[in-house]
Amino acid sequence: MIRRGRLIKARAIADAPACPVGDPPPAVIATEDECLEQILEAFRDVADRDDIHQAAARLARVQEWIRRAAELAAADPIFASIRLAS
């Protein structure tokens, strides 16, 4: 769930590119905020920059971050009784 403050921050990120056009995105996404930023940048890659390949690369890194976050959550003892439906 995205909290209101995070949504406002995401909109601000969408208005100003995090990295100049032509610079590669980070090799590994480390935080949830970076994940959201890369999703927004992927949208801009397609909508503003017409660069579907860059968008695909960003979204592949987002997908990897989601996999890692899900594995960490599954290993957390708090969620031991909950199993992910996959």
Protein backbone atom coordinates (compact mmCIF):
# COMPACT_ATOMS: atom_id res chain seq x y z
CA MET A 1 0.00 0.00 0.00
CA ILE A 2 1.35 3.41 -0.95
CA ARG A 3 0.90 6.03 1.71
CA ARG A 4 -0.14 9.55 0.72
CA GLY A 5 3.31 11.02 1.43
CA ARG A 6 4.98 8.40 -0.74
CA LEU A 7 2.53 9.06 -3.57
CA ILE A 8 3.32 12.78 -3.48
CA LYS A 9 7.03 11.96 -3.55
CA ALA A 10 6.48 9.60 -6.48
CA ARG A 11 4.75 12.35 -8.45
CA ALA A 12 7.66 14.71 -7.76
CA ILE A 13 10.08 12.05 -9.03
CA ALA A 14 7.98 11.60 -12.16
CA ASP A 15 8.34 15.31 -12.95
CA ALA A 16 12.14 15.34 -12.67
CA PRO A 17 14.22 12.51 -14.15
CA ALA A 18 16.48 10.80 -11.60
CA CYS A 19 19.22 10.26 -14.12
CA PRO A 20 19.91 12.18 -17.31
CA VAL A 21 18.86 10.63 -20.60
CA GLY A 22 21.48 8.16 -21.75
CA ASP A 23 22.78 7.30 -18.27
CA PRO A 24 22.21 3.68 -17.31
CA PRO A 25 19.87 2.93 -14.40
CA PRO A 26 21.35 1.46 -11.22
CA ALA A 27 22.52 -2.15 -11.57
CA VAL A 28 20.63 -3.24 -8.45
CA ILE A 29 17.65 -1.63 -6.77
CA ALA A 30 18.25 -1.41 -3.03
CA THR A 31 15.13 0.23 -1.57
CA GLU A 32 11.40 0.43 -2.09
CA ASP A 33 11.74 4.10 -3.03
CA GLU A 34 14.32 3.23 -5.71
CA CYS A 35 11.93 0.56 -6.98
CA LEU A 36 9.10 3.06 -7.34
CA GLU A 37 11.48 5.54 -8.96
CA GLN A 38 12.52 2.96 -11.56
CA ILE A 39 8.88 2.14 -12.35
CA LEU A 40 8.22 5.83 -12.98
CA GLU A 41 11.38 6.16 -15.06
CA ALA A 42 10.34 3.13 -17.12
CA PHE A 43 7.04 4.88 -17.83
CA ARG A 44 8.97 7.98 -18.92
CA ASP A 45 11.27 5.84 -21.07
CA VAL A 46 8.23 4.71 -23.04
CA ALA A 47 6.07 7.84 -22.95
CA ASP A 48 8.65 10.62 -23.28
CA ARG A 49 11.84 9.05 -24.61
CA ASP A 50 10.40 6.33 -26.88
CA ASP A 51 12.96 3.85 -25.49
CA ILE A 52 11.22 0.54 -24.92
CA HIS A 53 14.52 -1.30 -24.41
CA GLN A 54 15.55 0.97 -21.54
CA ALA A 55 12.09 0.56 -20.00
CA ALA A 56 12.38 -3.23 -20.26
CA ALA A 57 15.79 -3.18 -18.55
CA ARG A 58 14.45 -1.03 -15.71
CA LEU A 59 11.41 -3.27 -15.22
CA ALA A 60 13.60 -6.39 -15.16
CA ARG A 61 15.52 -4.84 -12.24
CA VAL A 62 12.22 -3.95 -10.55
CA GLN A 63 11.06 -7.54 -10.94
CA GLU A 64 14.32 -8.80 -9.40
CA TRP A 65 13.88 -6.43 -6.44
CA ILE A 66 10.33 -7.73 -5.93
CA ARG A 67 11.60 -11.33 -5.95
CA ARG A 68 14.28 -10.50 -3.35
CA ALA A 69 11.78 -8.60 -1.18
CA ALA A 70 9.34 -11.53 -1.34
CA GLU A 71 12.08 -13.99 -0.35
CA LEU A 72 13.07 -11.82 2.60
CA ALA A 73 9.44 -11.53 3.68
CA ALA A 74 8.97 -15.30 3.38
CA ALA A 75 12.03 -15.86 5.59
CA ASP A 76 10.73 -13.47 8.27
CA PRO A 77 9.40 -15.46 11.26
CA ILE A 78 6.44 -13.10 11.55
CA PHE A 79 5.14 -14.45 8.25
CA ALA A 80 5.91 -18.12 8.95
CA SER A 81 2.23 -19.04 9.06
CA ILE A 82 1.47 -17.23 5.82
CA ARG A 83 2.43 -18.83 2.53
CA LEU A 84 2.60 -16.84 -0.69
CA ALA A 85 0.22 -18.02 -3.37
CA SER A 86 2.35 -18.57 -6.43
